[in-house]
C-alpha cells in the first residue's frame, strides 16, 4: 500500500505557491514539532522574539480503497498555523487552491471536505485553521 503521508507531503512541498508561504514547514502528525513557534517565542540565545512563520500539520483521519484497491481515498485533517488568524487564513486559502482539484502522477484529485475553522491552541493560544480534504491517491 502506498505511503499516504509521504505522497501528500511530497505533493504539497512541490507546490511553489504554498512553499512561498510556509517554506518547508509541512509536517505529518497531530501537532507541530515542539521547537516550532509561530509567534512571540523568545530566542534565549539572541534575546529577541522569534517567529518561525506559518506551518501546516496534517494526518489521515480515515478513508478507504476503491473496489479494485487501485485508489486510496483518505480523509486528511490539516491544521494551518500562523502568526495571526489572518496569516493562518491566507495559508489556508493557498492550500485550498493547490489541493482542491489538484493532481499529479500520484494524486488523482483533492476535494475539500470541511471548510476551514479558526481555532486556538488551548495551551499557547496560537491561532490555526482546521480543515479536511478527501484525497484520491493512485495505489500502485
C-alpha atoms as a PDB file:
ATOM      1  CA  UNK A   1       0.000   0.000   0.000  1.00  0.00           C
ATOM      2  CA  UNK A   2       1.202   3.490  -0.840  1.00  0.00           C
ATOM      3  CA  UNK A   3       2.518   5.712   1.976  1.00  0.00           C
ATOM      4  CA  UNK A   4      -0.269   8.312   2.066  1.00  0.00           C
ATOM      5  CA  UNK A   5       1.513  10.798   4.334  1.00  0.00           C
ATOM      6  CA  UNK A   6       4.673  10.745   2.202  1.00  0.00           C
ATOM      7  CA  UNK A   7       2.708  11.138  -1.049  1.00  0.00           C
ATOM      8  CA  UNK A   8       0.728  14.127   0.232  1.00  0.00           C
ATOM      9  CA  UNK A   9       3.799  15.720   1.808  1.00  0.00           C
ATOM     10  CA  UNK A  10       5.786  15.434  -1.443  1.00  0.00           C
ATOM     11  CA  UNK A  11       2.871  16.881  -3.421  1.00  0.00           C
ATOM     12  CA  UNK A  12       2.500  19.867  -1.087  1.00  0.00           C
ATOM     13  CA  UNK A  13       6.246  20.565  -0.960  1.00  0.00           C
ATOM     14  CA  UNK A  14       6.286  20.668  -4.780  1.00  0.00           C
ATOM     15  CA  UNK A  15       3.672  23.477  -4.841  1.00  0.00           C
ATOM     16  CA  UNK A  16       5.685  26.701  -5.066  1.00  0.00           C
ATOM     17  CA  UNK A  17       2.734  28.964  -4.235  1.00  0.00           C
ATOM     18  CA  UNK A  18       2.368  27.060  -0.963  1.00  0.00           C
ATOM     19  CA  UNK A  19       6.064  26.798  -0.090  1.00  0.00           C
ATOM     20  CA  UNK A  20       6.376  30.539  -0.718  1.00  0.00           C
ATOM     21  CA  UNK A  21       4.163  30.915   2.381  1.00  0.00           C
ATOM     22  CA  UNK A  22       5.365  28.050   4.621  1.00  0.00           C
ATOM     23  CA  UNK A  23       8.823  27.202   3.243  1.00  0.00           C
ATOM     24  CA  UNK A  24       9.339  23.539   4.173  1.00  0.00           C
ATOM     25  CA  UNK A  25       7.239  23.698   7.367  1.00  0.00           C
ATOM     26  CA  UNK A  26       4.818  20.948   6.313  1.00  0.00           C
ATOM     27  CA  UNK A  27       4.745  18.167   8.888  1.00  0.00           C
ATOM     28  CA  UNK A  28       2.927  14.891   9.406  1.00  0.00           C
ATOM     29  CA  UNK A  29       1.291  14.463  12.789  1.00  0.00           C
ATOM     30  CA  UNK A  30      -1.243  15.901  15.192  1.00  0.00           C
ATOM     31  CA  UNK A  31       0.937  18.754  16.433  1.00  0.00           C
ATOM     32  CA  UNK A  32       3.904  20.717  15.105  1.00  0.00           C
ATOM     33  CA  UNK A  33       7.382  19.855  16.413  1.00  0.00           C
ATOM     34  CA  UNK A  34       7.996  21.133  19.943  1.00  0.00           C
ATOM     35  CA  UNK A  35      10.688  23.515  18.625  1.00  0.00           C
ATOM     36  CA  UNK A  36       8.177  25.304  16.344  1.00  0.00           C
ATOM     37  CA  UNK A  37       6.943  28.715  17.465  1.00  0.00           C
ATOM     38  CA  UNK A  38       4.670  30.633  15.079  1.00  0.00           C
ATOM     39  CA  UNK A  39       4.818  33.840  17.089  1.00  0.00           C
ATOM     40  CA  UNK A  40       6.090  35.530  20.187  1.00  0.00           C
ATOM     41  CA  UNK A  41       8.578  32.885  21.271  1.00  0.00           C
ATOM     42  CA  UNK A  42      11.744  34.203  22.806  1.00  0.00           C
ATOM     43  CA  UNK A  43      15.034  33.017  21.376  1.00  0.00           C
ATOM     44  CA  UNK A  44      17.045  32.841  24.593  1.00  0.00           C
ATOM     45  CA  UNK A  45      20.390  32.849  22.779  1.00  0.00           C
ATOM     46  CA  UNK A  46      19.635  36.024  20.835  1.00  0.00           C
ATOM     47  CA  UNK A  47      17.312  37.574  23.454  1.00  0.00           C
ATOM     48  CA  UNK A  48      14.773  38.564  20.850  1.00  0.00           C
ATOM     49  CA  UNK A  49      11.347  37.371  19.746  1.00  0.00           C
ATOM     50  CA  UNK A  50      11.403  34.567  17.222  1.00  0.00           C
ATOM     51  CA  UNK A  51       8.743  33.968  14.569  1.00  0.00           C
ATOM     52  CA  UNK A  52       9.192  30.701  12.669  1.00  0.00           C
ATOM     53  CA  UNK A  53       6.436  31.623  10.221  1.00  0.00           C
ATOM     54  CA  UNK A  54       3.290  29.782   9.160  1.00  0.00           C
ATOM     55  CA  UNK A  55       3.199  25.992   9.018  1.00  0.00           C
ATOM     56  CA  UNK A  56       0.963  23.068   8.091  1.00  0.00           C
ATOM     57  CA  UNK A  57       0.475  19.874  10.096  1.00  0.00           C
ATOM     58  CA  UNK A  58      -1.621  17.047   8.666  1.00  0.00           C
ATOM     59  CA  UNK A  59      -2.705  13.477   9.378  1.00  0.00           C
ATOM     60  CA  UNK A  60      -5.009  10.869   7.902  1.00  0.00           C
ATOM     61  CA  UNK A  61      -8.248  10.661   9.852  1.00  0.00           C
ATOM     62  CA  UNK A  62      -9.968   7.854   7.903  1.00  0.00           C
ATOM     63  CA  UNK A  63     -10.837   6.733   4.401  1.00  0.00           C
ATOM     64  CA  UNK A  64     -10.629   3.587   2.332  1.00  0.00           C
ATOM     65  CA  UNK A  65      -9.877   1.919  -1.003  1.00  0.00           C
ATOM     66  CA  UNK A  66     -11.893   1.705  -4.191  1.00  0.00           C
ATOM     67  CA  UNK A  67     -13.410  -1.669  -5.046  1.00  0.00           C
ATOM     68  CA  UNK A  68     -10.354  -2.796  -7.060  1.00  0.00           C
ATOM     69  CA  UNK A  69      -7.812  -1.485  -4.494  1.00  0.00           C
ATOM     70  CA  UNK A  70      -6.345   0.770  -7.203  1.00  0.00           C
ATOM     71  CA  UNK A  71      -7.125   4.063  -5.490  1.00  0.00           C
ATOM     72  CA  UNK A  72      -6.679   5.077  -1.852  1.00  0.00           C
ATOM     73  CA  UNK A  73      -9.192   7.652  -0.691  1.00  0.00           C
ATOM     74  CA  UNK A  74      -8.075   9.018   2.688  1.00  0.00           C
ATOM     75  CA  UNK A  75      -9.741  11.826   4.561  1.00  0.00           C
ATOM     76  CA  UNK A  76      -6.934  14.111   5.691  1.00  0.00           C
ATOM     77  CA  UNK A  77      -7.093  16.682   8.513  1.00  0.00           C
ATOM     78  CA  UNK A  78      -4.950  19.817   8.226  1.00  0.00           C
ATOM     79  CA  UNK A  79      -4.016  22.371  10.860  1.00  0.00           C
ATOM     80  CA  UNK A  80      -2.617  25.594   9.400  1.00  0.00           C
ATOM     81  CA  UNK A  81      -0.734  27.752  11.896  1.00  0.00           C
ATOM     82  CA  UNK A  82       0.098  31.417  11.506  1.00  0.00           C
ATOM     83  CA  UNK A  83       1.420  34.362  13.465  1.00  0.00           C
ATOM     84  CA  UNK A  84      -2.136  35.744  13.414  1.00  0.00           C
ATOM     85  CA  UNK A  85      -5.544  34.375  12.454  1.00  0.00           C
ATOM     86  CA  UNK A  86      -5.348  36.359   9.202  1.00  0.00           C
ATOM     87  CA  UNK A  87      -1.907  34.905   8.453  1.00  0.00           C
ATOM     88  CA  UNK A  88      -3.224  31.359   9.007  1.00  0.00           C
ATOM     89  CA  UNK A  89      -6.241  32.090   6.796  1.00  0.00           C
ATOM     90  CA  UNK A  90      -4.024  33.271   3.919  1.00  0.00           C
ATOM     91  CA  UNK A  91      -2.112  29.971   4.018  1.00  0.00           C
ATOM     92  CA  UNK A  92      -5.400  28.030   4.287  1.00  0.00           C
ATOM     93  CA  UNK A  93      -6.667  29.649   1.101  1.00  0.00           C
ATOM     94  CA  UNK A  94      -3.432  28.815  -0.747  1.00  0.00           C
ATOM     95  CA  UNK A  95      -3.714  25.198   0.471  1.00  0.00           C
ATOM     96  CA  UNK A  96      -7.260  25.094  -0.921  1.00  0.00           C
ATOM     97  CA  UNK A  97      -6.075  26.490  -4.248  1.00  0.00           C
ATOM     98  CA  UNK A  98      -3.390  23.819  -4.671  1.00  0.00           C
ATOM     99  CA  UNK A  99      -5.143  20.771  -3.166  1.00  0.00           C
ATOM    100  CA  UNK A 100      -8.809  21.145  -4.162  1.00  0.00           C
ATOM    101  CA  UNK A 101      -8.820  19.761  -7.702  1.00  0.00           C
ATOM    102  CA  UNK A 102      -5.045  19.377  -7.521  1.00  0.00           C
ATOM    103  CA  UNK A 103      -3.320  16.397  -9.081  1.00  0.00           C
ATOM    104  CA  UNK A 104      -0.010  14.959 -10.267  1.00  0.00           C
ATOM    105  CA  UNK A 105       1.264  11.471 -11.131  1.00  0.00           C
ATOM    106  CA  UNK A 106       0.370  10.067  -7.699  1.00  0.00           C
ATOM    107  CA  UNK A 107      -2.528  12.263  -6.574  1.00  0.00           C
ATOM    108  CA  UNK A 108      -5.557  11.892  -8.802  1.00  0.00           C
ATOM    109  CA  UNK A 109      -7.688  14.528  -7.120  1.00  0.00           C
ATOM    110  CA  UNK A 110      -8.187  16.522  -3.941  1.00  0.00           C
ATOM    111  CA  UNK A 111     -11.589  17.621  -2.685  1.00  0.00           C
ATOM    112  CA  UNK A 112     -12.349  19.993   0.168  1.00  0.00           C
ATOM    113  CA  UNK A 113     -14.428  18.126   2.773  1.00  0.00           C
ATOM    114  CA  UNK A 114     -14.638  20.712   5.520  1.00  0.00           C
ATOM    115  CA  UNK A 115     -14.367  24.480   5.254  1.00  0.00           C
ATOM    116  CA  UNK A 116     -11.659  25.952   7.444  1.00  0.00           C
ATOM    117  CA  UNK A 117     -12.494  26.743  11.058  1.00  0.00           C
ATOM    118  CA  UNK A 118     -10.491  29.238  13.083  1.00  0.00           C
ATOM    119  CA  UNK A 119      -9.409  27.735  16.404  1.00  0.00           C
ATOM    120  CA  UNK A 120      -6.798  28.474  19.077  1.00  0.00           C
ATOM    121  CA  UNK A 121      -4.434  26.037  20.787  1.00  0.00           C
ATOM    122  CA  UNK A 122      -5.565  25.820  24.430  1.00  0.00           C
ATOM    123  CA  UNK A 123      -2.094  25.911  25.994  1.00  0.00           C
ATOM    124  CA  UNK A 124      -0.416  28.504  23.774  1.00  0.00           C
ATOM    125  CA  UNK A 125      -3.319  30.491  22.270  1.00  0.00           C
ATOM    126  CA  UNK A 126      -1.754  30.078  18.802  1.00  0.00           C
ATOM    127  CA  UNK A 127      -4.307  30.623  16.039  1.00  0.00           C
ATOM    128  CA  UNK A 128      -4.808  27.885  13.475  1.00  0.00           C
ATOM    129  CA  UNK A 129      -7.279  26.915  10.796  1.00  0.00           C
ATOM    130  CA  UNK A 130      -8.562  23.331  10.839  1.00  0.00           C
ATOM    131  CA  UNK A 131      -9.805  21.826   7.590  1.00  0.00           C
ATOM    132  CA  UNK A 132     -10.113  18.444   5.878  1.00  0.00           C
ATOM    133  CA  UNK A 133      -9.732  17.121   2.344  1.00  0.00           C
ATOM    134  CA  UNK A 134     -10.568  13.844   0.629  1.00  0.00           C
ATOM    135  CA  UNK A 135      -7.511  12.943  -1.462  1.00  0.00           C
ATOM    136  CA  UNK A 136      -7.577  10.252  -4.147  1.00  0.00           C
ATOM    137  CA  UNK A 137      -4.153   8.591  -4.457  1.00  0.00           C
ATOM    138  CA  UNK A 138      -3.025   6.037  -7.031  1.00  0.00           C
ATOM    139  CA  UNK A 139      -2.253   2.833  -5.112  1.00  0.00           C
ATOM    140  CA  UNK A 140       0.439   1.304  -7.307  1.00  0.00           C
END
